[in-house]
């Protein structure tokens, strides 16, 4: 057994930085689309799969159809569709596209840190 002097500095354990998904935070996501286009449907499917795999039970998804409610785009300054907006946890983050690049989406939402 190795003896450590009382006045020796404590070693810090090396840990990976935790992502926000590690906690029990509630994720509030809003997906802006324009009708039920193939790209919009693909974006929703990709988002749903990603959420179930990485933040299951900790998220809500609100889909906003800008053909029905065009004024809602102004609040989040939506310039392209489909656009995903992470409302919570803060800060707000936006990702444009069909969300098919899983790694990019995970990093963009801060679910996974850059390797």
PDB file of N, CA and C in Angstrom:
ATOM      1  N   UNK A   1       0.844  -1.172   0.000  1.00  0.00           N
ATOM      2  CA  UNK A   1       0.000   0.000   0.000  1.00  0.00           C
ATOM      3  C   UNK A   1       0.890   1.236   0.000  1.00  0.00           C
ATOM      4  N   UNK A   2       0.557   2.197  -0.851  1.00  0.00           N
ATOM      5  CA  UNK A   2       1.336   3.413  -0.979  1.00  0.00           C
ATOM      6  C   UNK A   2       0.803   4.455  -0.017  1.00  0.00           C
ATOM      7  N   UNK A   3       1.710   5.077   0.684  1.00  0.00           N
ATOM      8  CA  UNK A   3       1.317   6.113   1.644  1.00  0.00           C
ATOM      9  C   UNK A   3       1.389   7.483   1.013  1.00  0.00           C
ATOM     10  N   UNK A   4       0.335   8.294   1.165  1.00  0.00           N
ATOM     11  CA  UNK A   4       0.285   9.644   0.601  1.00  0.00           C
ATOM     12  C   UNK A   4       0.331  10.639   1.745  1.00  0.00           C
ATOM     13  N   UNK A   5       1.284  11.585   1.699  1.00  0.00           N
ATOM     14  CA  UNK A   5       1.350  12.590   2.765  1.00  0.00           C
ATOM     15  C   UNK A   5       0.080  13.434   2.802  1.00  0.00           C
ATOM     16  N   UNK A   6      -0.292  13.887   4.002  1.00  0.00           N
ATOM     17  CA  UNK A   6      -1.512  14.678   4.177  1.00  0.00           C
ATOM     18  C   UNK A   6      -1.481  15.988   3.409  1.00  0.00           C
ATOM     19  N   UNK A   7      -0.308  16.580   3.275  1.00  0.00           N
ATOM     20  CA  UNK A   7      -0.231  17.881   2.613  1.00  0.00           C
ATOM     21  C   UNK A   7      -0.017  17.770   1.102  1.00  0.00           C
ATOM     22  N   UNK A   8      -0.085  16.564   0.544  1.00  0.00           N
ATOM     23  CA  UNK A   8       0.083  16.386  -0.902  1.00  0.00           C
ATOM     24  C   UNK A   8      -1.146  16.917  -1.628  1.00  0.00           C
ATOM     25  N   UNK A   9      -0.931  17.603  -2.771  1.00  0.00           N
ATOM     26  CA  UNK A   9      -2.085  18.122  -3.523  1.00  0.00           C
ATOM     27  C   UNK A   9      -2.915  16.971  -4.089  1.00  0.00           C
ATOM     28  N   UNK A  10      -4.205  17.163  -4.088  1.00  0.00           N
ATOM     29  CA  UNK A  10      -5.103  16.133  -4.611  1.00  0.00           C
ATOM     30  C   UNK A  10      -5.034  16.125  -6.128  1.00  0.00           C
ATOM     31  N   UNK A  11      -5.073  14.929  -6.698  1.00  0.00           N
ATOM     32  CA  UNK A  11      -5.088  14.812  -8.148  1.00  0.00           C
ATOM     33  C   UNK A  11      -6.515  14.983  -8.629  1.00  0.00           C
ATOM     34  N   UNK A  12      -6.644  15.708  -9.726  1.00  0.00           N
ATOM     35  CA  UNK A  12      -7.962  15.878 -10.319  1.00  0.00           C
ATOM     36  C   UNK A  12      -8.224  14.721 -11.266  1.00  0.00           C
ATOM     37  N   UNK A  13      -9.408  14.171 -11.164  1.00  0.00           N
ATOM     38  CA  UNK A  13      -9.785  13.090 -12.066  1.00  0.00           C
ATOM     39  C   UNK A  13     -10.094  13.681 -13.433  1.00  0.00           C
ATOM     40  N   UNK A  14      -9.625  13.025 -14.480  1.00  0.00           N
ATOM     41  CA  UNK A  14      -9.909  13.497 -15.834  1.00  0.00           C
ATOM     42  C   UNK A  14     -11.251  12.932 -16.262  1.00  0.00           C
ATOM     43  N   UNK A  15     -12.128  13.807 -16.620  1.00  0.00           N
ATOM     44  CA  UNK A  15     -13.440  13.364 -17.081  1.00  0.00           C
ATOM     45  C   UNK A  15     -13.752  14.038 -18.389  1.00  0.00           C
ATOM     46  N   UNK A  16     -14.582  13.392 -19.167  1.00  0.00           N
ATOM     47  CA  UNK A  16     -15.052  13.999 -20.404  1.00  0.00           C
ATOM     48  C   UNK A  16     -16.034  15.097 -20.053  1.00  0.00           C
ATOM     49  N   UNK A  17     -16.060  16.190 -20.827  1.00  0.00           N
ATOM     50  CA  UNK A  17     -17.065  17.201 -20.557  1.00  0.00           C
ATOM     51  C   UNK A  17     -18.453  16.624 -20.801  1.00  0.00           C
ATOM     52  N   UNK A  18     -19.333  16.865 -19.868  1.00  0.00           N
ATOM     53  CA  UNK A  18     -20.685  16.334 -19.993  1.00  0.00           C
ATOM     54  C   UNK A  18     -21.479  17.169 -20.978  1.00  0.00           C
ATOM     55  N   UNK A  19     -22.307  16.504 -21.721  1.00  0.00           N
ATOM     56  CA  UNK A  19     -23.212  17.229 -22.596  1.00  0.00           C
ATOM     57  C   UNK A  19     -24.447  17.583 -21.791  1.00  0.00           C
ATOM     58  N   UNK A  20     -25.252  18.462 -22.332  1.00  0.00           N
ATOM     59  CA  UNK A  20     -26.468  18.868 -21.643  1.00  0.00           C
ATOM     60  C   UNK A  20     -27.446  17.705 -21.509  1.00  0.00           C
ATOM     61  N   UNK A  21     -27.326  16.721 -22.378  1.00  0.00           N
ATOM     62  CA  UNK A  21     -28.238  15.577 -22.342  1.00  0.00           C
ATOM     63  C   UNK A  21     -27.992  14.685 -21.144  1.00  0.00           C
ATOM     64  N   UNK A  22     -26.846  14.841 -20.484  1.00  0.00           N
ATOM     65  CA  UNK A  22     -26.519  13.982 -19.354  1.00  0.00           C
ATOM     66  C   UNK A  22     -27.415  14.242 -18.155  1.00  0.00           C
ATOM     67  N   UNK A  23     -27.919  15.439 -18.021  1.00  0.00           N
ATOM     68  CA  UNK A  23     -28.774  15.786 -16.890  1.00  0.00           C
ATOM     69  C   UNK A  23     -30.222  15.440 -17.165  1.00  0.00           C
ATOM     70  N   UNK A  24     -31.083  15.929 -16.309  1.00  0.00           N
ATOM     71  CA  UNK A  24     -32.512  15.693 -16.492  1.00  0.00           C
ATOM     72  C   UNK A  24     -33.213  16.948 -16.983  1.00  0.00           C
ATOM     73  N   UNK A  25     -32.541  17.702 -17.836  1.00  0.00           N
ATOM     74  CA  UNK A  25     -33.128  18.924 -18.349  1.00  0.00           C
ATOM     75  C   UNK A  25     -34.245  18.606 -19.333  1.00  0.00           C
ATOM     76  N   UNK A  26     -35.198  19.492 -19.401  1.00  0.00           N
ATOM     77  CA  UNK A  26     -36.290  19.365 -20.355  1.00  0.00           C
ATOM     78  C   UNK A  26     -35.902  20.107 -21.623  1.00  0.00           C
ATOM     79  N   UNK A  27     -36.012  19.444 -22.748  1.00  0.00           N
ATOM     80  CA  UNK A  27     -35.667  20.019 -24.039  1.00  0.00           C
ATOM     81  C   UNK A  27     -36.943  20.447 -24.746  1.00  0.00           C
ATOM     82  N   UNK A  28     -36.996  21.701 -25.128  1.00  0.00           N
ATOM     83  CA  UNK A  28     -38.143  22.226 -25.862  1.00  0.00           C
ATOM     84  C   UNK A  28     -37.669  22.570 -27.270  1.00  0.00           C
ATOM     85  N   UNK A  29     -38.173  21.824 -28.247  1.00  0.00           N
ATOM     86  CA  UNK A  29     -37.755  21.979 -29.635  1.00  0.00           C
ATOM     87  C   UNK A  29     -38.930  22.408 -30.492  1.00  0.00           C
ATOM     88  N   UNK A  30     -38.651  23.291 -31.453  1.00  0.00           N
ATOM     89  CA  UNK A  30     -39.694  23.758 -32.361  1.00  0.00           C
ATOM     90  C   UNK A  30     -39.186  23.588 -33.781  1.00  0.00           C
ATOM     91  N   UNK A  31     -39.937  22.869 -34.595  1.00  0.00           N
ATOM     92  CA  UNK A  31     -39.563  22.624 -35.981  1.00  0.00           C
ATOM     93  C   UNK A  31     -40.496  23.418 -36.886  1.00  0.00           C
ATOM     94  N   UNK A  32     -39.916  24.334 -37.645  1.00  0.00           N
ATOM     95  CA  UNK A  32     -40.677  25.140 -38.604  1.00  0.00           C
ATOM     96  C   UNK A  32     -40.644  24.463 -39.964  1.00  0.00           C
ATOM     97  N   UNK A  33     -41.825  24.258 -40.547  1.00  0.00           N
ATOM     98  CA  UNK A  33     -41.959  23.637 -41.860  1.00  0.00           C
ATOM     99  C   UNK A  33     -42.961  24.449 -42.676  1.00  0.00           C
ATOM    100  N   UNK A  34     -43.070  24.118 -43.969  1.00  0.00           N
ATOM    101  CA  UNK A  34     -44.075  24.740 -44.839  1.00  0.00           C
ATOM    102  C   UNK A  34     -44.835  23.623 -45.537  1.00  0.00           C
ATOM    103  N   UNK A  35     -45.881  23.166 -44.909  1.00  0.00           N
ATOM    104  CA  UNK A  35     -46.663  22.077 -45.462  1.00  0.00           C
ATOM    105  C   UNK A  35     -45.992  20.735 -45.230  1.00  0.00           C
ATOM    106  N   UNK A  36     -46.549  19.710 -45.856  1.00  0.00           N
ATOM    107  CA  UNK A  36     -46.019  18.360 -45.672  1.00  0.00           C
ATOM    108  C   UNK A  36     -45.202  17.958 -46.897  1.00  0.00           C
ATOM    109  N   UNK A  37     -44.127  18.673 -47.117  1.00  0.00           N
ATOM    110  CA  UNK A  37     -43.219  18.359 -48.216  1.00  0.00           C
ATOM    111  C   UNK A  37     -42.338  17.178 -47.819  1.00  0.00           C
ATOM    112  N   UNK A  38     -41.739  16.500 -48.786  1.00  0.00           N
ATOM    113  CA  UNK A  38     -40.839  15.392 -48.440  1.00  0.00           C
ATOM    114  C   UNK A  38     -39.705  15.831 -47.504  1.00  0.00           C
ATOM    115  N   UNK A  39     -39.162  17.019 -47.726  1.00  0.00           N
ATOM    116  CA  UNK A  39     -38.071  17.505 -46.881  1.00  0.00           C
ATOM    117  C   UNK A  39     -38.555  17.767 -45.452  1.00  0.00           C
ATOM    118  N   UNK A  40     -39.748  18.309 -45.290  1.00  0.00           N
ATOM    119  CA  UNK A  40     -40.308  18.562 -43.965  1.00  0.00           C
ATOM    120  C   UNK A  40     -40.592  17.263 -43.217  1.00  0.00           C
ATOM    121  N   UNK A  41     -41.139  16.302 -43.925  1.00  0.00           N
ATOM    122  CA  UNK A  41     -41.440  14.998 -43.324  1.00  0.00           C
ATOM    123  C   UNK A  41     -40.144  14.299 -42.916  1.00  0.00           C
ATOM    124  N   UNK A  42     -39.126  14.385 -43.774  1.00  0.00           N
ATOM    125  CA  UNK A  42     -37.822  13.789 -43.466  1.00  0.00           C
ATOM    126  C   UNK A  42     -37.195  14.464 -42.245  1.00  0.00           C
ATOM    127  N   UNK A  43     -37.310  15.799 -42.170  1.00  0.00           N
ATOM    128  CA  UNK A  43     -36.748  16.536 -41.024  1.00  0.00           C
ATOM    129  C   UNK A  43     -37.414  16.092 -39.726  1.00  0.00           C
ATOM    130  N   UNK A  44     -38.738  15.952 -39.733  1.00  0.00           N
ATOM    131  CA  UNK A  44     -39.445  15.531 -38.521  1.00  0.00           C
ATOM    132  C   UNK A  44     -39.050  14.108 -38.129  1.00  0.00           C
ATOM    133  N   UNK A  45     -38.976  13.212 -39.110  1.00  0.00           N
ATOM    134  CA  UNK A  45     -38.583  11.830 -38.825  1.00  0.00           C
ATOM    135  C   UNK A  45     -37.173  11.742 -38.258  1.00  0.00           C
ATOM    136  N   UNK A  46     -36.250  12.490 -38.854  1.00  0.00           N
ATOM    137  CA  UNK A  46     -34.871  12.506 -38.356  1.00  0.00           C
ATOM    138  C   UNK A  46     -34.803  13.063 -36.942  1.00  0.00           C
ATOM    139  N   UNK A  47     -35.567  14.122 -36.683  1.00  0.00           N
ATOM    140  CA  UNK A  47     -35.581  14.737 -35.358  1.00  0.00           C
ATOM    141  C   UNK A  47     -36.147  13.775 -34.321  1.00  0.00           C
ATOM    142  N   UNK A  48     -37.231  13.134 -34.640  1.00  0.00           N
ATOM    143  CA  UNK A  48     -37.874  12.190 -33.719  1.00  0.00           C
ATOM    144  C   UNK A  48     -36.921  11.036 -33.377  1.00  0.00           C
ATOM    145  N   UNK A  49     -36.260  10.482 -34.375  1.00  0.00           N
ATOM    146  CA  UNK A  49     -35.310   9.394 -34.154  1.00  0.00           C
ATOM    147  C   UNK A  49     -34.153   9.845 -33.271  1.00  0.00           C
ATOM    148  N   UNK A  50     -33.592  11.002 -33.580  1.00  0.00           N
ATOM    149  CA  UNK A  50     -32.478  11.541 -32.817  1.00  0.00           C
ATOM    150  C   UNK A  50     -32.865  11.758 -31.351  1.00  0.00           C
ATOM    151  N   UNK A  51     -34.038  12.335 -31.126  1.00  0.00           N
ATOM    152  CA  UNK A  51     -34.492  12.598 -29.755  1.00  0.00           C
ATOM    153  C   UNK A  51     -34.706  11.307 -28.980  1.00  0.00           C
ATOM    154  N   UNK A  52     -35.300  10.312 -29.610  1.00  0.00           N
ATOM    155  CA  UNK A  52     -35.543   9.034 -28.929  1.00  0.00           C
ATOM    156  C   UNK A  52     -34.238   8.336 -28.570  1.00  0.00           C
ATOM    157  N   UNK A  53     -33.223   8.505 -29.389  1.00  0.00           N
ATOM    158  CA  UNK A  53     -31.941   7.850 -29.128  1.00  0.00           C
ATOM    159  C   UNK A  53     -31.105   8.582 -28.078  1.00  0.00           C
ATOM    160  N   UNK A  54     -31.234   9.901 -27.984  1.00  0.00           N
ATOM    161  CA  UNK A  54     -30.303  10.672 -27.158  1.00  0.00           C
ATOM    162  C   UNK A  54     -30.922  11.406 -25.967  1.00  0.00           C
ATOM    163  N   UNK A  55     -32.191  11.778 -26.059  1.00  0.00           N
ATOM    164  CA  UNK A  55     -32.815  12.505 -24.943  1.00  0.00           C
ATOM    165  C   UNK A  55     -34.232  11.985 -24.681  1.00  0.00           C
ATOM    166  N   UNK A  56     -34.386  10.684 -24.765  1.00  0.00           N
ATOM    167  CA  UNK A  56     -35.701  10.050 -24.612  1.00  0.00           C
ATOM    168  C   UNK A  56     -36.375  10.467 -23.304  1.00  0.00           C
ATOM    169  N   UNK A  57     -37.634  10.857 -23.404  1.00  0.00           N
ATOM    170  CA  UNK A  57     -38.415  11.227 -22.234  1.00  0.00           C
ATOM    171  C   UNK A  57     -38.120  12.608 -21.685  1.00  0.00           C
ATOM    172  N   UNK A  58     -37.220  13.347 -22.325  1.00  0.00           N
ATOM    173  CA  UNK A  58     -36.827  14.663 -21.822  1.00  0.00           C
ATOM    174  C   UNK A  58     -37.145  15.784 -22.804  1.00  0.00           C
ATOM    175  N   UNK A  59     -37.966  15.524 -23.803  1.00  0.00           N
ATOM    176  CA  UNK A  59     -38.151  16.526 -24.845  1.00  0.00           C
ATOM    177  C   UNK A  59     -39.608  16.680 -25.251  1.00  0.00           C
ATOM    178  N   UNK A  60     -39.896  17.851 -25.821  1.00  0.00           N
ATOM    179  CA  UNK A  60     -41.161  18.084 -26.506  1.00  0.00           C
ATOM    180  C   UNK A  60     -40.824  18.695 -27.858  1.00  0.00           C
ATOM    181  N   UNK A  61     -41.588  18.307 -28.865  1.00  0.00           N
ATOM    182  CA  UNK A  61     -41.405  18.854 -30.211  1.00  0.00           C
ATOM    183  C   UNK A  61     -42.695  19.546 -30.613  1.00  0.00           C
ATOM    184  N   UNK A  62     -42.577  20.799 -30.998  1.00  0.00           N
ATOM    185  CA  UNK A  62     -43.709  21.551 -31.536  1.00  0.00           C
ATOM    186  C   UNK A  62     -43.427  21.768 -33.014  1.00  0.00           C
ATOM    187  N   UNK A  63     -44.342  21.336 -33.869  1.00  0.00           N
ATOM    188  CA  UNK A  63     -44.188  21.545 -35.305  1.00  0.00           C
ATOM    189  C   UNK A  63     -45.054  22.730 -35.697  1.00  0.00           C
ATOM    190  N   UNK A  64     -44.415  23.729 -36.317  1.00  0.00           N
ATOM    191  CA  UNK A  64     -45.119  24.943 -36.747  1.00  0.00           C
ATOM    192  C   UNK A  64     -45.161  24.946 -38.271  1.00  0.00           C
ATOM    193  N   UNK A  65     -46.369  24.863 -38.826  1.00  0.00           N
ATOM    194  CA  UNK A  65     -46.549  24.909 -40.272  1.00  0.00           C
ATOM    195  C   UNK A  65     -46.740  26.371 -40.672  1.00  0.00           C
ATOM    196  N   UNK A  66     -45.775  26.912 -41.379  1.00  0.00           N
ATOM    197  CA  UNK A  66     -45.818  28.329 -41.735  1.00  0.00           C
ATOM    198  C   UNK A  66     -46.837  28.630 -42.826  1.00  0.00           C
ATOM    199  N   UNK A  67     -47.365  27.604 -43.498  1.00  0.00           N
ATOM    200  CA  UNK A  67     -48.459  27.842 -44.443  1.00  0.00           C
ATOM    201  C   UNK A  67     -49.741  28.175 -43.684  1.00  0.00           C
ATOM    202  N   UNK A  68     -49.883  27.647 -42.484  1.00  0.00           N
ATOM    203  CA  UNK A  68     -51.067  27.912 -41.664  1.00  0.00           C
ATOM    204  C   UNK A  68     -50.863  29.106 -40.734  1.00  0.00           C
ATOM    205  N   UNK A  69     -49.660  29.296 -40.229  1.00  0.00           N
ATOM    206  CA  UNK A  69     -49.354  30.377 -39.281  1.00  0.00           C
ATOM    207  C   UNK A  69     -48.077  31.114 -39.693  1.00  0.00           C
ATOM    208  N   UNK A  70     -48.110  31.887 -40.764  1.00  0.00           N
ATOM    209  CA  UNK A  70     -46.886  32.532 -41.246  1.00  0.00           C
ATOM    210  C   UNK A  70     -46.307  33.581 -40.288  1.00  0.00           C
ATOM    211  N   UNK A  71     -47.129  34.161 -39.451  1.00  0.00           N
ATOM    212  CA  UNK A  71     -46.633  35.204 -38.538  1.00  0.00           C
ATOM    213  C   UNK A  71     -45.742  34.632 -37.430  1.00  0.00           C
ATOM    214  N   UNK A  72     -45.835  33.334 -37.165  1.00  0.00           N
ATOM    215  CA  UNK A  72     -45.015  32.726 -36.116  1.00  0.00           C
ATOM    216  C   UNK A  72     -43.528  32.705 -36.475  1.00  0.00           C
ATOM    217  N   UNK A  73     -43.202  32.829 -37.743  1.00  0.00           N
ATOM    218  CA  UNK A  73     -41.798  32.820 -38.170  1.00  0.00           C
ATOM    219  C   UNK A  73     -41.065  34.062 -37.692  1.00  0.00           C
ATOM    220  N   UNK A  74     -41.774  35.134 -37.510  1.00  0.00           N
ATOM    221  CA  UNK A  74     -41.149  36.395 -37.115  1.00  0.00           C
ATOM    222  C   UNK A  74     -40.512  36.307 -35.729  1.00  0.00           C
ATOM    223  N   UNK A  75     -41.166  35.639 -34.799  1.00  0.00           N
ATOM    224  CA  UNK A  75     -40.679  35.559 -33.422  1.00  0.00           C
ATOM    225  C   UNK A  75     -39.312  34.913 -33.304  1.00  0.00           C
ATOM    226  N   UNK A  76     -39.060  33.859 -34.077  1.00  0.00           N
ATOM    227  CA  UNK A  76     -37.772  33.167 -34.040  1.00  0.00           C
ATOM    228  C   UNK A  76     -36.882  33.551 -35.220  1.00  0.00           C
ATOM    229  N   UNK A  77     -37.290  34.548 -35.990  1.00  0.00           N
ATOM    230  CA  UNK A  77     -36.526  35.048 -37.138  1.00  0.00           C
ATOM    231  C   UNK A  77     -36.157  33.917 -38.097  1.00  0.00           C
ATOM    232  N   UNK A  78     -37.170  33.217 -38.571  1.00  0.00           N
ATOM    233  CA  UNK A  78     -36.978  32.094 -39.477  1.00  0.00           C
ATOM    234  C   UNK A  78     -36.824  32.613 -40.901  1.00  0.00           C
ATOM    235  N   UNK A  79     -35.715  32.247 -41.536  1.00  0.00           N
ATOM    236  CA  UNK A  79     -35.430  32.698 -42.897  1.00  0.00           C
ATOM    237  C   UNK A  79     -35.466  31.561 -43.911  1.00  0.00           C
ATOM    238  N   UNK A  80     -35.346  30.327 -43.456  1.00  0.00           N
ATOM    239  CA  UNK A  80     -35.353  29.163 -44.333  1.00  0.00           C
ATOM    240  C   UNK A  80     -36.095  28.035 -43.631  1.00  0.00           C
ATOM    241  N   UNK A  81     -36.588  27.086 -44.428  1.00  0.00           N
ATOM    242  CA  UNK A  81     -37.298  25.960 -43.847  1.00  0.00           C
ATOM    243  C   UNK A  81     -36.823  24.668 -44.499  1.00  0.00           C
ATOM    244  N   UNK A  82     -36.864  23.562 -43.799  1.00  0.00           N
ATOM    245  CA  UNK A  82     -37.212  23.440 -42.386  1.00  0.00           C
ATOM    246  C   UNK A  82     -36.095  23.999 -41.493  1.00  0.00           C
ATOM    247  N   UNK A  83     -36.508  24.562 -40.367  1.00  0.00           N
ATOM    248  CA  UNK A  83     -35.577  25.070 -39.357  1.00  0.00           C
ATOM    249  C   UNK A  83     -35.982  24.512 -38.005  1.00  0.00           C
ATOM    250  N   UNK A  84     -34.992  24.004 -37.279  1.00  0.00           N
ATOM    251  CA  UNK A  84     -35.203  23.517 -35.922  1.00  0.00           C
ATOM    252  C   UNK A  84     -34.679  24.567 -34.954  1.00  0.00           C
ATOM    253  N   UNK A  85     -35.493  24.914 -33.964  1.00  0.00           N
ATOM    254  CA  UNK A  85     -35.091  25.877 -32.946  1.00  0.00           C
ATOM    255  C   UNK A  85     -35.124  25.181 -31.598  1.00  0.00           C
ATOM    256  N   UNK A  86     -33.994  25.226 -30.892  1.00  0.00           N
ATOM    257  CA  UNK A  86     -33.952  24.707 -29.526  1.00  0.00           C
ATOM    258  C   UNK A  86     -34.262  25.878 -28.609  1.00  0.00           C
ATOM    259  N   UNK A  87     -35.452  25.855 -28.003  1.00  0.00           N
ATOM    260  CA  UNK A  87     -35.881  26.925 -27.098  1.00  0.00           C
ATOM    261  C   UNK A  87     -35.282  26.717 -25.705  1.00  0.00           C
ATOM    262  N   UNK A  88     -35.345  25.487 -25.218  1.00  0.00           N
ATOM    263  CA  UNK A  88     -34.773  25.127 -23.924  1.00  0.00           C
ATOM    264  C   UNK A  88     -33.975  23.862 -24.089  1.00  0.00           C
ATOM    265  N   UNK A  89     -32.897  23.669 -23.384  1.00  0.00           N
ATOM    266  CA  UNK A  89     -32.272  24.602 -22.453  1.00  0.00           C
ATOM    267  C   UNK A  89     -31.587  25.739 -23.209  1.00  0.00           C
ATOM    268  N   UNK A  90     -31.520  26.868 -22.561  1.00  0.00           N
ATOM    269  CA  UNK A  90     -30.901  28.034 -23.181  1.00  0.00           C
ATOM    270  C   UNK A  90     -29.409  27.814 -23.318  1.00  0.00           C
ATOM    271  N   UNK A  91     -28.727  28.442 -24.231  1.00  0.00           N
ATOM    272  CA  UNK A  91     -29.183  29.469 -25.160  1.00  0.00           C
ATOM    273  C   UNK A  91     -29.940  28.854 -26.334  1.00  0.00           C
ATOM    274  N   UNK A  92     -30.716  29.694 -27.008  1.00  0.00           N
ATOM    275  CA  UNK A  92     -31.464  29.263 -28.184  1.00  0.00           C
ATOM    276  C   UNK A  92     -30.473  28.904 -29.289  1.00  0.00           C
ATOM    277  N   UNK A  93     -30.756  27.804 -29.975  1.00  0.00           N
ATOM    278  CA  UNK A  93     -29.917  27.379 -31.102  1.00  0.00           C
ATOM    279  C   UNK A  93     -30.817  27.055 -32.278  1.00  0.00           C
ATOM    280  N   UNK A  94     -30.300  27.267 -33.497  1.00  0.00           N
ATOM    281  CA  UNK A  94     -31.068  26.994 -34.713  1.00  0.00           C
ATOM    282  C   UNK A  94     -30.262  26.122 -35.659  1.00  0.00           C
ATOM    283  N   UNK A  95     -30.966  25.208 -36.308  1.00  0.00           N
ATOM    284  CA  UNK A  95     -30.353  24.354 -37.325  1.00  0.00           C
ATOM    285  C   UNK A  95     -31.296  24.335 -38.524  1.00  0.00           C
ATOM    286  N   UNK A  96     -30.750  24.604 -39.699  1.00  0.00           N
ATOM    287  CA  UNK A  96     -31.532  24.641 -40.929  1.00  0.00           C
ATOM    288  C   UNK A  96     -31.256  23.371 -41.726  1.00  0.00           C
ATOM    289  N   UNK A  97     -32.305  22.779 -42.285  1.00  0.00           N
ATOM    290  CA  UNK A  97     -32.147  21.616 -43.152  1.00  0.00           C
ATOM    291  C   UNK A  97     -32.995  20.454 -42.693  1.00  0.00           C
ATOM    292  N   UNK A  98     -32.792  19.304 -43.342  1.00  0.00           N
ATOM    293  CA  UNK A  98     -33.633  18.133 -43.039  1.00  0.00           C
ATOM    294  C   UNK A  98     -33.102  17.291 -41.875  1.00  0.00           C
ATOM    295  N   UNK A  99     -32.045  17.763 -41.204  1.00  0.00           N
ATOM    296  CA  UNK A  99     -31.493  17.131 -39.998  1.00  0.00           C
ATOM    297  C   UNK A  99     -30.967  15.727 -40.261  1.00  0.00           C
ATOM    298  N   UNK A 100     -30.522  15.471 -41.492  1.00  0.00           N
ATOM    299  CA  UNK A 100     -30.035  14.142 -41.842  1.00  0.00           C
ATOM    300  C   UNK A 100     -28.598  13.892 -41.388  1.00  0.00           C
ATOM    301  N   UNK A 101     -27.824  14.947 -41.151  1.00  0.00           N
ATOM    302  CA  UNK A 101     -26.461  14.793 -40.655  1.00  0.00           C
ATOM    303  C   UNK A 101     -26.519  14.726 -39.135  1.00  0.00           C
ATOM    304  N   UNK A 102     -26.652  13.525 -38.602  1.00  0.00           N
ATOM    305  CA  UNK A 102     -26.881  13.318 -37.171  1.00  0.00           C
ATOM    306  C   UNK A 102     -25.799  13.957 -36.311  1.00  0.00           C
ATOM    307  N   UNK A 103     -24.550  13.760 -36.661  1.00  0.00           N
ATOM    308  CA  UNK A 103     -23.446  14.303 -35.863  1.00  0.00           C
ATOM    309  C   UNK A 103     -23.523  15.831 -35.802  1.00  0.00           C
ATOM    310  N   UNK A 104     -23.805  16.453 -36.927  1.00  0.00           N
ATOM    311  CA  UNK A 104     -23.914  17.916 -36.977  1.00  0.00           C
ATOM    312  C   UNK A 104     -25.073  18.414 -36.112  1.00  0.00           C
ATOM    313  N   UNK A 105     -26.184  17.701 -36.150  1.00  0.00           N
ATOM    314  CA  UNK A 105     -27.349  18.086 -35.352  1.00  0.00           C
ATOM    315  C   UNK A 105     -27.057  17.923 -33.861  1.00  0.00           C
ATOM    316  N   UNK A 106     -26.432  16.817 -33.485  1.00  0.00           N
ATOM    317  CA  UNK A 106     -26.112  16.587 -32.070  1.00  0.00           C
ATOM    318  C   UNK A 106     -25.176  17.664 -31.531  1.00  0.00           C
ATOM    319  N   UNK A 107     -24.177  18.030 -32.304  1.00  0.00           N
ATOM    320  CA  UNK A 107     -23.252  19.084 -31.889  1.00  0.00           C
ATOM    321  C   UNK A 107     -23.964  20.434 -31.906  1.00  0.00           C
ATOM    322  N   UNK A 108     -24.762  20.686 -32.940  1.00  0.00           N
ATOM    323  CA  UNK A 108     -25.480  21.954 -33.036  1.00  0.00           C
ATOM    324  C   UNK A 108     -26.462  22.185 -31.900  1.00  0.00           C
ATOM    325  N   UNK A 109     -27.093  21.131 -31.435  1.00  0.00           N
ATOM    326  CA  UNK A 109     -28.031  21.240 -30.318  1.00  0.00           C
ATOM    327  C   UNK A 109     -27.324  21.168 -28.970  1.00  0.00           C
ATOM    328  N   UNK A 110     -26.039  20.883 -28.986  1.00  0.00           N
ATOM    329  CA  UNK A 110     -25.222  20.737 -27.788  1.00  0.00           C
ATOM    330  C   UNK A 110     -25.639  19.499 -26.988  1.00  0.00           C
ATOM    331  N   UNK A 111     -26.064  18.477 -27.708  1.00  0.00           N
ATOM    332  CA  UNK A 111     -26.353  17.192 -27.084  1.00  0.00           C
ATOM    333  C   UNK A 111     -25.049  16.415 -26.953  1.00  0.00           C
ATOM    334  N   UNK A 112     -24.178  16.571 -27.938  1.00  0.00           N
ATOM    335  CA  UNK A 112     -22.880  15.909 -27.932  1.00  0.00           C
ATOM    336  C   UNK A 112     -21.819  16.971 -28.205  1.00  0.00           C
ATOM    337  N   UNK A 113     -20.701  16.862 -27.505  1.00  0.00           N
ATOM    338  CA  UNK A 113     -19.603  17.799 -27.704  1.00  0.00           C
ATOM    339  C   UNK A 113     -18.772  17.380 -28.902  1.00  0.00           C
ATOM    340  N   UNK A 114     -18.026  18.316 -29.467  1.00  0.00           N
ATOM    341  CA  UNK A 114     -17.177  18.039 -30.618  1.00  0.00           C
ATOM    342  C   UNK A 114     -16.050  17.126 -30.178  1.00  0.00           C
ATOM    343  N   UNK A 115     -15.808  16.063 -30.939  1.00  0.00           N
ATOM    344  CA  UNK A 115     -14.739  15.095 -30.601  1.00  0.00           C
ATOM    345  C   UNK A 115     -13.396  15.634 -31.013  1.00  0.00           C
TER     346      UNK A 115
END
